[in-house]
Amino acid sequence: PGRRAPLSQNREMDPLAGQSTVIADRLSESLRVLEAERDRLREFVADVSHELRTPIAALRAFTELQGDGQVDDATRREFLERSSEQISRLEWMSTNLLDLSRIDAGIFPLDVRPGDLRDPIRAVVEAHAELAEQRGVSLLSEVPPSPVMLNFDRERVVQLLTNLVGNGLKFTPRGGQVRVILTDLPEGAMLEVRDSGPGILAGELPRVFERFFRGTNVGDARASGSGLGLAIARSIVEMHGGQIEVASAIGEGSAFTVRLPRVDQGLRPRGADVPPDRCATTARRRARPSPEDEWEAGVAFFQLAMRDRTG
């Protein structure tokens, strides 16, 4: 396998032999891509299983300890509180996995409309104000005094900023600061989320947007993350035709920079090939997906997993 047949000495056959070589090269490249995709899917399924195992084991332990009838009220309250945290983690993880499966299946369309980009920034900062206060972290926004008009999906930009601001608050120690900065540019707009956290190791910077990747320089906060938020953030930015990058230095914090185009050039609303009626229905949904969306995404993910098992 992989060897090429020698070219024929018959000149009439040379063009056919050349075409056969081109076809063989293309098939070889296609097989290489399929094998890489299969390996990626296997790693993805293994990571999902690992991430689900921790909260499930914790919930089982809490349930068994309460079932023996020898747990006092104070311990029971602590168990219930921790169980609630694990359930929230499972819910957050399942939501992220559902979004990723929609992206892979091409049923994650954008509801792109003209709007003021300052609006989702204010909404996200206001929604995280209480959490920032609890953590003792200063959360600030810096936006231009006049509207920054752009074509974007407001719900997805809110999701993007929620992931970036949430990460900043999670990893920034008490007394630190998280800033959301909006800059109006001739070609579009630039969003920056800067924190004064521990920073990211230089060798890990190229991997921060990979699924399930969590840095090693984040202390206890590492255990509470799913490693999916930044992967979804990158997908949202790319679907808007934009770019996202990160810069960081140990002990000086991190800065995530998002550049969004002002016009629709390069805009790639994934799921554009979905029939208009389904696309409109999906675009109108808000935080909680419809049962139809969950079913389609689940079927797509299951088919990918089964293809991997049979491959």
C-alpha atoms as a PDB file:
ATOM      1  CA  PRO A   1       0.000   0.000   0.000  1.00  0.00           C
ATOM      2  CA  GLY A   2       1.156   3.509  -0.759  1.00  0.00           C
ATOM      3  CA  ARG A   3       3.431   2.400  -3.630  1.00  0.00           C
ATOM      4  CA  ARG A   4       2.959   3.868  -7.086  1.00  0.00           C
ATOM      5  CA  ALA A   5       2.823   1.648 -10.165  1.00  0.00           C
ATOM      6  CA  PRO A   6       5.655   2.369 -12.639  1.00  0.00           C
ATOM      7  CA  LEU A   7       4.744   4.557 -15.580  1.00  0.00           C
ATOM      8  CA  SER A   8       4.051   2.717 -18.782  1.00  0.00           C
ATOM      9  CA  GLN A   9       6.634   2.777 -21.572  1.00  0.00           C
ATOM     10  CA  ASN A  10       3.730   3.282 -23.978  1.00  0.00           C
ATOM     11  CA  ARG A  11       3.413   7.024 -24.565  1.00  0.00           C
ATOM     12  CA  GLU A  12      -0.300   6.654 -25.309  1.00  0.00           C
ATOM     13  CA  MET A  13      -0.781   5.427 -21.761  1.00  0.00           C
ATOM     14  CA  ASP A  14       1.281   8.179 -20.087  1.00  0.00           C
ATOM     15  CA  PRO A  15      -1.622  10.688 -19.718  1.00  0.00           C
ATOM     16  CA  LEU A  16      -3.803   7.999 -18.138  1.00  0.00           C
ATOM     17  CA  ALA A  17      -0.979   6.994 -15.787  1.00  0.00           C
ATOM     18  CA  GLY A  18      -0.487  10.632 -14.808  1.00  0.00           C
ATOM     19  CA  GLN A  19      -4.199  11.040 -14.027  1.00  0.00           C
ATOM     20  CA  SER A  20      -4.148   7.846 -11.992  1.00  0.00           C
ATOM     21  CA  THR A  21      -1.242   9.209  -9.933  1.00  0.00           C
ATOM     22  CA  VAL A  22      -3.138  12.438  -9.246  1.00  0.00           C
ATOM     23  CA  ILE A  23      -6.231  10.488  -8.180  1.00  0.00           C
ATOM     24  CA  ALA A  24      -4.131   8.243  -5.947  1.00  0.00           C
ATOM     25  CA  ASP A  25      -2.524  11.278  -4.310  1.00  0.00           C
ATOM     26  CA  ARG A  26      -5.931  12.830  -3.654  1.00  0.00           C
ATOM     27  CA  LEU A  27      -7.269   9.597  -2.194  1.00  0.00           C
ATOM     28  CA  SER A  28      -4.215   9.302   0.021  1.00  0.00           C
ATOM     29  CA  GLU A  29      -4.725  12.846   1.303  1.00  0.00           C
ATOM     30  CA  SER A  30      -8.441  12.186   1.920  1.00  0.00           C
ATOM     31  CA  LEU A  31      -7.599   9.059   3.917  1.00  0.00           C
ATOM     32  CA  ARG A  32      -5.070  11.011   5.952  1.00  0.00           C
ATOM     33  CA  VAL A  33      -7.673  13.662   6.774  1.00  0.00           C
ATOM     34  CA  LEU A  34     -10.247  11.009   7.721  1.00  0.00           C
ATOM     35  CA  GLU A  35      -7.770   9.249   9.988  1.00  0.00           C
ATOM     36  CA  ALA A  36      -6.884  12.532  11.689  1.00  0.00           C
ATOM     37  CA  GLU A  37     -10.588  13.298  12.168  1.00  0.00           C
ATOM     38  CA  ARG A  38     -11.175   9.827  13.613  1.00  0.00           C
ATOM     39  CA  ASP A  39      -8.317  10.280  16.072  1.00  0.00           C
ATOM     40  CA  ARG A  40      -9.650  13.705  17.060  1.00  0.00           C
ATOM     41  CA  LEU A  41     -13.116  12.259  17.656  1.00  0.00           C
ATOM     42  CA  ARG A  42     -11.704   9.433  19.784  1.00  0.00           C
ATOM     43  CA  GLU A  43      -9.807  11.941  21.904  1.00  0.00           C
ATOM     44  CA  PHE A  44     -12.915  14.112  22.175  1.00  0.00           C
ATOM     45  CA  VAL A  45     -15.114  11.221  23.372  1.00  0.00           C
ATOM     46  CA  ALA A  46     -12.431  10.170  25.869  1.00  0.00           C
ATOM     47  CA  ASP A  47     -12.233  13.725  27.230  1.00  0.00           C
ATOM     48  CA  VAL A  48     -16.022  13.936  27.565  1.00  0.00           C
ATOM     49  CA  SER A  49     -16.076  10.662  29.491  1.00  0.00           C
ATOM     50  CA  HIS A  50     -13.320  11.880  31.803  1.00  0.00           C
ATOM     51  CA  GLU A  51     -15.026  15.205  32.479  1.00  0.00           C
ATOM     52  CA  LEU A  52     -18.370  13.554  33.257  1.00  0.00           C
ATOM     53  CA  ARG A  53     -16.830  10.976  35.573  1.00  0.00           C
ATOM     54  CA  THR A  54     -15.808  13.484  38.276  1.00  0.00           C
ATOM     55  CA  PRO A  55     -19.212  15.109  39.003  1.00  0.00           C
ATOM     56  CA  ILE A  56     -21.020  11.777  38.691  1.00  0.00           C
ATOM     57  CA  ALA A  57     -18.663  10.146  41.213  1.00  0.00           C
ATOM     58  CA  ALA A  58     -19.112  13.087  43.580  1.00  0.00           C
ATOM     59  CA  LEU A  59     -22.916  12.910  43.371  1.00  0.00           C
ATOM     60  CA  ARG A  60     -22.835   9.160  43.990  1.00  0.00           C
ATOM     61  CA  ALA A  61     -20.635   9.593  47.066  1.00  0.00           C
ATOM     62  CA  PHE A  62     -22.857  12.338  48.474  1.00  0.00           C
ATOM     63  CA  THR A  63     -25.975  10.218  47.925  1.00  0.00           C
ATOM     64  CA  GLU A  64     -24.495   7.089  49.535  1.00  0.00           C
ATOM     65  CA  LEU A  65     -23.249   8.987  52.592  1.00  0.00           C
ATOM     66  CA  GLN A  66     -26.666  10.515  53.173  1.00  0.00           C
ATOM     67  CA  GLY A  67     -28.411   7.174  52.754  1.00  0.00           C
ATOM     68  CA  ASP A  68     -26.811   5.528  55.774  1.00  0.00           C
ATOM     69  CA  GLY A  69     -28.919   7.634  58.161  1.00  0.00           C
ATOM     70  CA  GLN A  70     -25.922   8.770  60.223  1.00  0.00           C
ATOM     71  CA  VAL A  71     -25.359  12.200  58.640  1.00  0.00           C
ATOM     72  CA  ASP A  72     -26.132  15.214  60.826  1.00  0.00           C
ATOM     73  CA  ASP A  73     -27.990  18.268  59.571  1.00  0.00           C
ATOM     74  CA  ALA A  74     -24.879  20.399  59.066  1.00  0.00           C
ATOM     75  CA  THR A  75     -23.175  17.718  56.977  1.00  0.00           C
ATOM     76  CA  ARG A  76     -26.343  17.116  55.011  1.00  0.00           C
ATOM     77  CA  ARG A  77     -26.566  20.826  54.154  1.00  0.00           C
ATOM     78  CA  GLU A  78     -22.963  20.760  52.987  1.00  0.00           C
ATOM     79  CA  PHE A  79     -23.645  17.674  50.862  1.00  0.00           C
ATOM     80  CA  LEU A  80     -26.673  19.345  49.272  1.00  0.00           C
ATOM     81  CA  GLU A  81     -24.694  22.492  48.527  1.00  0.00           C
ATOM     82  CA  ARG A  82     -21.866  20.565  46.900  1.00  0.00           C
ATOM     83  CA  SER A  83     -24.319  18.389  45.000  1.00  0.00           C
ATOM     84  CA  SER A  84     -25.945  21.530  43.638  1.00  0.00           C
ATOM     85  CA  GLU A  85     -22.527  22.741  42.465  1.00  0.00           C
ATOM     86  CA  GLN A  86     -21.876  19.455  40.676  1.00  0.00           C
ATOM     87  CA  ILE A  87     -25.304  19.563  39.009  1.00  0.00           C
ATOM     88  CA  SER A  88     -24.589  23.108  37.822  1.00  0.00           C
ATOM     89  CA  ARG A  89     -21.285  21.902  36.424  1.00  0.00           C
ATOM     90  CA  LEU A  90     -23.012  19.059  34.559  1.00  0.00           C
ATOM     91  CA  GLU A  91     -25.629  21.455  33.186  1.00  0.00           C
ATOM     92  CA  TRP A  92     -22.950  23.912  32.023  1.00  0.00           C
ATOM     93  CA  MET A  93     -20.963  21.107  30.420  1.00  0.00           C
ATOM     94  CA  SER A  94     -23.986  19.637  28.646  1.00  0.00           C
ATOM     95  CA  THR A  95     -24.899  23.066  27.269  1.00  0.00           C
ATOM     96  CA  ASN A  96     -21.374  23.557  25.922  1.00  0.00           C
ATOM     97  CA  LEU A  97     -21.299  20.066  24.419  1.00  0.00           C
ATOM     98  CA  LEU A  98     -24.643  20.713  22.752  1.00  0.00           C
ATOM     99  CA  ASP A  99     -23.320  23.946  21.253  1.00  0.00           C
ATOM    100  CA  LEU A 100     -20.198  22.190  19.977  1.00  0.00           C
ATOM    101  CA  SER A 101     -22.255  19.390  18.439  1.00  0.00           C
ATOM    102  CA  ARG A 102     -24.435  22.001  16.696  1.00  0.00           C
ATOM    103  CA  ILE A 103     -21.330  23.697  15.331  1.00  0.00           C
ATOM    104  CA  ASP A 104     -19.941  20.404  14.007  1.00  0.00           C
ATOM    105  CA  ALA A 105     -23.322  19.437  12.547  1.00  0.00           C
ATOM    106  CA  GLY A 106     -23.794  22.821  10.837  1.00  0.00           C
ATOM    107  CA  ILE A 107     -27.037  23.673  12.694  1.00  0.00           C
ATOM    108  CA  PHE A 108     -25.665  26.645  14.594  1.00  0.00           C
ATOM    109  CA  PRO A 109     -26.866  29.529  12.381  1.00  0.00           C
ATOM    110  CA  LEU A 110     -26.391  33.192  13.196  1.00  0.00           C
ATOM    111  CA  ASP A 111     -29.201  35.713  13.615  1.00  0.00           C
ATOM    112  CA  VAL A 112     -27.163  38.616  12.231  1.00  0.00           C
ATOM    113  CA  ARG A 113     -28.665  42.091  12.559  1.00  0.00           C
ATOM    114  CA  PRO A 114     -27.327  45.650  12.725  1.00  0.00           C
ATOM    115  CA  GLY A 115     -26.765  46.753  16.308  1.00  0.00           C
ATOM    116  CA  ASP A 116     -24.710  48.731  18.769  1.00  0.00           C
ATOM    117  CA  LEU A 117     -21.863  46.561  20.022  1.00  0.00           C
ATOM    118  CA  ARG A 118     -21.851  48.452  23.319  1.00  0.00           C
ATOM    119  CA  ASP A 119     -25.169  46.831  24.258  1.00  0.00           C
ATOM    120  CA  PRO A 120     -23.972  43.206  24.759  1.00  0.00           C
ATOM    121  CA  ILE A 121     -20.900  44.473  26.622  1.00  0.00           C
ATOM    122  CA  ARG A 122     -23.033  46.384  29.109  1.00  0.00           C
ATOM    123  CA  ALA A 123     -25.370  43.398  29.501  1.00  0.00           C
ATOM    124  CA  VAL A 124     -22.523  40.969  30.264  1.00  0.00           C
ATOM    125  CA  VAL A 125     -20.737  43.344  32.662  1.00  0.00           C
ATOM    126  CA  GLU A 126     -23.986  43.996  34.519  1.00  0.00           C
ATOM    127  CA  ALA A 127     -24.760  40.261  34.708  1.00  0.00           C
ATOM    128  CA  HIS A 128     -21.320  39.546  36.232  1.00  0.00           C
ATOM    129  CA  ALA A 129     -21.219  42.508  38.617  1.00  0.00           C
ATOM    130  CA  GLU A 130     -22.397  40.511  41.643  1.00  0.00           C
ATOM    131  CA  LEU A 131     -19.964  37.664  40.993  1.00  0.00           C
ATOM    132  CA  ALA A 132     -17.095  40.131  40.604  1.00  0.00           C
ATOM    133  CA  GLU A 133     -18.001  41.738  43.923  1.00  0.00           C
ATOM    134  CA  GLN A 134     -18.129  38.351  45.647  1.00  0.00           C
ATOM    135  CA  ARG A 135     -14.671  37.501  44.334  1.00  0.00           C
ATOM    136  CA  GLY A 136     -13.263  40.899  45.229  1.00  0.00           C
ATOM    137  CA  VAL A 137     -12.340  41.614  41.610  1.00  0.00           C
ATOM    138  CA  SER A 138     -12.905  44.944  39.890  1.00  0.00           C
ATOM    139  CA  LEU A 139     -14.927  44.529  36.674  1.00  0.00           C
ATOM    140  CA  LEU A 140     -14.832  47.541  34.341  1.00  0.00           C
ATOM    141  CA  SER A 141     -15.959  48.329  30.805  1.00  0.00           C
ATOM    142  CA  GLU A 142     -14.515  50.969  28.511  1.00  0.00           C
ATOM    143  CA  VAL A 143     -16.695  51.789  25.501  1.00  0.00           C
ATOM    144  CA  PRO A 144     -16.836  54.756  23.096  1.00  0.00           C
ATOM    145  CA  PRO A 145     -19.376  57.505  23.844  1.00  0.00           C
ATOM    146  CA  SER A 146     -21.095  57.026  20.482  1.00  0.00           C
ATOM    147  CA  PRO A 147     -22.683  53.837  19.099  1.00  0.00           C
ATOM    148  CA  VAL A 148     -20.427  51.219  17.501  1.00  0.00           C
ATOM    149  CA  MET A 149     -22.696  49.862  14.787  1.00  0.00           C
ATOM    150  CA  LEU A 150     -21.953  46.409  13.413  1.00  0.00           C
ATOM    151  CA  ASN A 151     -23.734  43.406  11.945  1.00  0.00           C
ATOM    152  CA  PHE A 152     -23.661  40.646  14.562  1.00  0.00           C
ATOM    153  CA  ASP A 153     -25.692  38.022  16.395  1.00  0.00           C
ATOM    154  CA  ARG A 154     -26.359  39.592  19.783  1.00  0.00           C
ATOM    155  CA  GLU A 155     -27.011  36.311  21.583  1.00  0.00           C
ATOM    156  CA  ARG A 156     -23.764  34.789  20.332  1.00  0.00           C
ATOM    157  CA  VAL A 157     -21.709  37.878  21.153  1.00  0.00           C
ATOM    158  CA  VAL A 158     -23.178  37.788  24.670  1.00  0.00           C
ATOM    159  CA  GLN A 159     -22.149  34.119  24.871  1.00  0.00           C
ATOM    160  CA  LEU A 160     -18.660  34.996  23.606  1.00  0.00           C
ATOM    161  CA  LEU A 161     -18.212  37.780  26.168  1.00  0.00           C
ATOM    162  CA  THR A 162     -19.691  35.646  28.944  1.00  0.00           C
ATOM    163  CA  ASN A 163     -17.039  32.989  28.330  1.00  0.00           C
ATOM    164  CA  LEU A 164     -14.191  35.514  28.215  1.00  0.00           C
ATOM    165  CA  VAL A 165     -15.330  37.595  31.189  1.00  0.00           C
ATOM    166  CA  GLY A 166     -16.193  34.463  33.177  1.00  0.00           C
ATOM    167  CA  ASN A 167     -12.688  33.110  32.618  1.00  0.00           C
ATOM    168  CA  GLY A 168     -11.163  36.416  33.651  1.00  0.00           C
ATOM    169  CA  LEU A 169     -13.115  36.503  36.911  1.00  0.00           C
ATOM    170  CA  LYS A 170     -12.392  32.848  37.637  1.00  0.00           C
ATOM    171  CA  PHE A 171      -8.632  33.144  37.309  1.00  0.00           C
ATOM    172  CA  THR A 172      -8.057  36.659  38.681  1.00  0.00           C
ATOM    173  CA  PRO A 173      -7.190  36.728  42.399  1.00  0.00           C
ATOM    174  CA  ARG A 174      -8.917  38.961  44.935  1.00  0.00           C
ATOM    175  CA  GLY A 175      -7.903  42.570  44.510  1.00  0.00           C
ATOM    176  CA  GLY A 176      -7.332  42.086  40.767  1.00  0.00           C
ATOM    177  CA  GLN A 177      -9.070  43.593  37.787  1.00  0.00           C
ATOM    178  CA  VAL A 178     -10.922  42.503  34.650  1.00  0.00           C
ATOM    179  CA  ARG A 179     -11.506  45.068  31.898  1.00  0.00           C
ATOM    180  CA  VAL A 180     -13.673  44.861  28.776  1.00  0.00           C
ATOM    181  CA  ILE A 181     -12.516  47.369  26.161  1.00  0.00           C
ATOM    182  CA  LEU A 182     -14.307  48.224  22.908  1.00  0.00           C
ATOM    183  CA  THR A 183     -12.527  50.131  20.161  1.00  0.00           C
ATOM    184  CA  ASP A 184     -14.253  51.441  17.038  1.00  0.00           C
ATOM    185  CA  LEU A 185     -12.082  50.913  13.957  1.00  0.00           C
ATOM    186  CA  PRO A 186     -12.578  51.881  10.282  1.00  0.00           C
ATOM    187  CA  GLU A 187     -12.595  48.212   9.239  1.00  0.00           C
ATOM    188  CA  GLY A 188     -14.720  46.992  12.143  1.00  0.00           C
ATOM    189  CA  ALA A 189     -14.423  46.769  15.901  1.00  0.00           C
ATOM    190  CA  MET A 190     -11.978  45.367  18.413  1.00  0.00           C
ATOM    191  CA  LEU A 191     -13.055  43.753  21.684  1.00  0.00           C
ATOM    192  CA  GLU A 192     -10.509  43.148  24.424  1.00  0.00           C
ATOM    193  CA  VAL A 193     -10.934  41.304  27.703  1.00  0.00           C
ATOM    194  CA  ARG A 194      -7.928  41.894  29.946  1.00  0.00           C
ATOM    195  CA  ASP A 195      -7.315  40.395  33.369  1.00  0.00           C
ATOM    196  CA  SER A 196      -4.612  40.637  36.013  1.00  0.00           C
ATOM    197  CA  GLY A 197      -4.536  36.907  36.680  1.00  0.00           C
ATOM    198  CA  PRO A 198      -1.533  34.567  36.862  1.00  0.00           C
ATOM    199  CA  GLY A 199      -1.037  34.487  33.108  1.00  0.00           C
ATOM    200  CA  ILE A 200      -0.638  31.577  30.711  1.00  0.00           C
ATOM    201  CA  LEU A 201       2.570  29.667  30.118  1.00  0.00           C
ATOM    202  CA  ALA A 202       4.137  30.521  26.750  1.00  0.00           C
ATOM    203  CA  GLY A 203       4.153  26.889  25.657  1.00  0.00           C
ATOM    204  CA  GLU A 204       0.411  26.595  26.320  1.00  0.00           C
ATOM    205  CA  LEU A 205      -0.719  29.712  24.430  1.00  0.00           C
ATOM    206  CA  PRO A 206      -1.158  27.906  21.084  1.00  0.00           C
ATOM    207  CA  ARG A 207      -3.515  25.386  22.742  1.00  0.00           C
ATOM    208  CA  VAL A 208      -5.857  27.627  24.761  1.00  0.00           C
ATOM    209  CA  PHE A 209      -8.630  27.421  22.141  1.00  0.00           C
ATOM    210  CA  GLU A 210      -8.522  23.624  21.911  1.00  0.00           C
ATOM    211  CA  ARG A 211     -11.440  21.643  23.303  1.00  0.00           C
ATOM    212  CA  PHE A 212     -10.933  20.440  26.875  1.00  0.00           C
ATOM    213  CA  PHE A 213      -7.556  22.133  27.215  1.00  0.00           C
ATOM    214  CA  ARG A 214      -6.988  23.719  30.624  1.00  0.00           C
ATOM    215  CA  GLY A 215      -3.777  25.459  31.565  1.00  0.00           C
ATOM    216  CA  THR A 216      -1.503  24.368  34.382  1.00  0.00           C
ATOM    217  CA  ASN A 217      -0.874  27.843  35.812  1.00  0.00           C
ATOM    218  CA  VAL A 218      -4.392  28.509  37.120  1.00  0.00           C
ATOM    219  CA  GLY A 219      -4.378  26.801  40.520  1.00  0.00           C
ATOM    220  CA  ASP A 220      -7.627  25.469  41.965  1.00  0.00           C
ATOM    221  CA  ALA A 221      -9.702  27.248  39.303  1.00  0.00           C
ATOM    222  CA  ARG A 222      -8.531  24.646  36.787  1.00  0.00           C
ATOM    223  CA  ALA A 223     -10.675  21.968  38.396  1.00  0.00           C
ATOM    224  CA  SER A 224     -13.891  23.998  37.999  1.00  0.00           C
ATOM    225  CA  GLY A 225     -13.604  24.529  34.246  1.00  0.00           C
ATOM    226  CA  SER A 226     -14.711  22.306  31.398  1.00  0.00           C
ATOM    227  CA  GLY A 227     -12.148  23.473  28.863  1.00  0.00           C
ATOM    228  CA  LEU A 228     -14.912  24.143  26.318  1.00  0.00           C
ATOM    229  CA  GLY A 229     -15.639  27.860  26.694  1.00  0.00           C
ATOM    230  CA  LEU A 230     -12.711  29.181  24.652  1.00  0.00           C
ATOM    231  CA  ALA A 231     -13.295  26.623  21.884  1.00  0.00           C
ATOM    232  CA  ILE A 232     -16.872  27.886  21.567  1.00  0.00           C
ATOM    233  CA  ALA A 233     -15.666  31.493  21.719  1.00  0.00           C
ATOM    234  CA  ARG A 234     -13.325  30.897  18.797  1.00  0.00           C
ATOM    235  CA  SER A 235     -16.108  29.275  16.759  1.00  0.00           C
ATOM    236  CA  ILE A 236     -18.443  32.228  17.381  1.00  0.00           C
ATOM    237  CA  VAL A 237     -15.779  34.717  16.315  1.00  0.00           C
ATOM    238  CA  GLU A 238     -14.910  32.777  13.156  1.00  0.00           C
ATOM    239  CA  MET A 239     -18.589  32.442  12.259  1.00  0.00           C
ATOM    240  CA  HIS A 240     -18.722  36.260  12.303  1.00  0.00           C
ATOM    241  CA  GLY A 241     -15.756  36.376   9.924  1.00  0.00           C
ATOM    242  CA  GLY A 242     -13.507  37.665  12.691  1.00  0.00           C
ATOM    243  CA  GLN A 243     -10.341  36.645  14.492  1.00  0.00           C
ATOM    244  CA  ILE A 244      -9.483  35.967  18.127  1.00  0.00           C
ATOM    245  CA  GLU A 245      -6.040  35.830  19.689  1.00  0.00           C
ATOM    246  CA  VAL A 246      -4.508  35.786  23.141  1.00  0.00           C
ATOM    247  CA  ALA A 247      -1.440  37.423  24.634  1.00  0.00           C
ATOM    248  CA  SER A 248      -0.187  36.647  28.116  1.00  0.00           C
ATOM    249  CA  ALA A 249       2.776  36.894  30.440  1.00  0.00           C
ATOM    250  CA  ILE A 250       3.301  35.030  33.695  1.00  0.00           C
ATOM    251  CA  GLY A 251       2.414  37.264  36.630  1.00  0.00           C
ATOM    252  CA  GLU A 252       1.001  39.985  34.388  1.00  0.00           C
ATOM    253  CA  GLY A 253      -2.339  38.550  33.302  1.00  0.00           C
ATOM    254  CA  SER A 254      -3.876  37.732  29.933  1.00  0.00           C
ATOM    255  CA  ALA A 255      -5.541  39.676  27.136  1.00  0.00           C
ATOM    256  CA  PHE A 256      -8.010  38.154  24.672  1.00  0.00           C
ATOM    257  CA  THR A 257      -8.492  40.266  21.542  1.00  0.00           C
ATOM    258  CA  VAL A 258     -11.437  39.831  19.173  1.00  0.00           C
ATOM    259  CA  ARG A 259     -11.600  41.609  15.816  1.00  0.00           C
ATOM    260  CA  LEU A 260     -14.971  41.718  14.067  1.00  0.00           C
ATOM    261  CA  PRO A 261     -15.480  43.065  10.510  1.00  0.00           C
ATOM    262  CA  ARG A 262     -17.785  46.014   9.930  1.00  0.00           C
ATOM    263  CA  VAL A 263     -19.361  44.579   6.795  1.00  0.00           C
ATOM    264  CA  ASP A 264     -20.559  41.103   5.898  1.00  0.00           C
ATOM    265  CA  GLN A 265     -17.439  40.184   3.979  1.00  0.00           C
ATOM    266  CA  GLY A 266     -16.112  36.868   5.207  1.00  0.00           C
ATOM    267  CA  LEU A 267     -19.254  36.251   7.276  1.00  0.00           C
ATOM    268  CA  ARG A 268     -19.809  32.501   7.448  1.00  0.00           C
ATOM    269  CA  PRO A 269     -23.083  31.740   9.218  1.00  0.00           C
ATOM    270  CA  ARG A 270     -22.669  28.024   9.836  1.00  0.00           C
ATOM    271  CA  GLY A 271     -25.877  26.247   9.013  1.00  0.00           C
ATOM    272  CA  ALA A 272     -26.621  28.544   6.056  1.00  0.00           C
ATOM    273  CA  ASP A 273     -27.420  25.437   4.045  1.00  0.00           C
ATOM    274  CA  VAL A 274     -30.220  24.545   6.462  1.00  0.00           C
ATOM    275  CA  PRO A 275     -33.713  25.065   4.957  1.00  0.00           C
ATOM    276  CA  PRO A 276     -35.001  28.637   5.600  1.00  0.00           C
ATOM    277  CA  ASP A 277     -37.888  27.546   7.826  1.00  0.00           C
ATOM    278  CA  ARG A 278     -35.622  25.542  10.133  1.00  0.00           C
ATOM    279  CA  CYS A 279     -32.972  28.288  10.099  1.00  0.00           C
ATOM    280  CA  ALA A 280     -35.533  30.909  11.137  1.00  0.00           C
ATOM    281  CA  THR A 281     -36.843  28.689  13.920  1.00  0.00           C
ATOM    282  CA  THR A 282     -33.354  28.053  15.265  1.00  0.00           C
ATOM    283  CA  ALA A 283     -32.360  31.706  15.018  1.00  0.00           C
ATOM    284  CA  ARG A 284     -35.286  32.760  17.204  1.00  0.00           C
ATOM    285  CA  ARG A 285     -34.352  30.490  20.075  1.00  0.00           C
ATOM    286  CA  ARG A 286     -32.693  32.021  23.092  1.00  0.00           C
ATOM    287  CA  ALA A 287     -30.795  30.582  26.056  1.00  0.00           C
ATOM    288  CA  ARG A 288     -32.663  27.254  26.204  1.00  0.00           C
ATOM    289  CA  PRO A 289     -32.620  25.238  22.936  1.00  0.00           C
ATOM    290  CA  SER A 290     -35.767  23.707  21.529  1.00  0.00           C
ATOM    291  CA  PRO A 291     -36.295  19.933  21.770  1.00  0.00           C
ATOM    292  CA  GLU A 292     -35.943  19.731  17.968  1.00  0.00           C
ATOM    293  CA  ASP A 293     -32.511  21.372  18.126  1.00  0.00           C
ATOM    294  CA  GLU A 294     -31.402  19.081  20.942  1.00  0.00           C
ATOM    295  CA  TRP A 295     -32.590  16.034  19.000  1.00  0.00           C
ATOM    296  CA  GLU A 296     -30.821  17.022  15.771  1.00  0.00           C
ATOM    297  CA  ALA A 297     -27.580  17.874  17.568  1.00  0.00           C
ATOM    298  CA  GLY A 298     -27.743  14.686  19.604  1.00  0.00           C
ATOM    299  CA  VAL A 299     -28.336  12.538  16.524  1.00  0.00           C
ATOM    300  CA  ALA A 300     -25.419  14.208  14.743  1.00  0.00           C
ATOM    301  CA  PHE A 301     -23.083  13.624  17.663  1.00  0.00           C
ATOM    302  CA  PHE A 302     -24.265  10.013  18.049  1.00  0.00           C
ATOM    303  CA  GLN A 303     -23.654   9.355  14.351  1.00  0.00           C
ATOM    304  CA  LEU A 304     -20.129  10.700  14.667  1.00  0.00           C
ATOM    305  CA  ALA A 305     -19.468   8.480  17.664  1.00  0.00           C
ATOM    306  CA  MET A 306     -20.896   5.401  15.952  1.00  0.00           C
ATOM    307  CA  ARG A 307     -18.856   6.082  12.838  1.00  0.00           C
ATOM    308  CA  ASP A 308     -15.778   6.174  15.046  1.00  0.00           C
ATOM    309  CA  ARG A 309     -16.710   2.881  16.737  1.00  0.00           C
ATOM    310  CA  THR A 310     -17.247   1.102  13.436  1.00  0.00           C
ATOM    311  CA  GLY A 311     -14.166   2.668  11.806  1.00  0.00           C
END
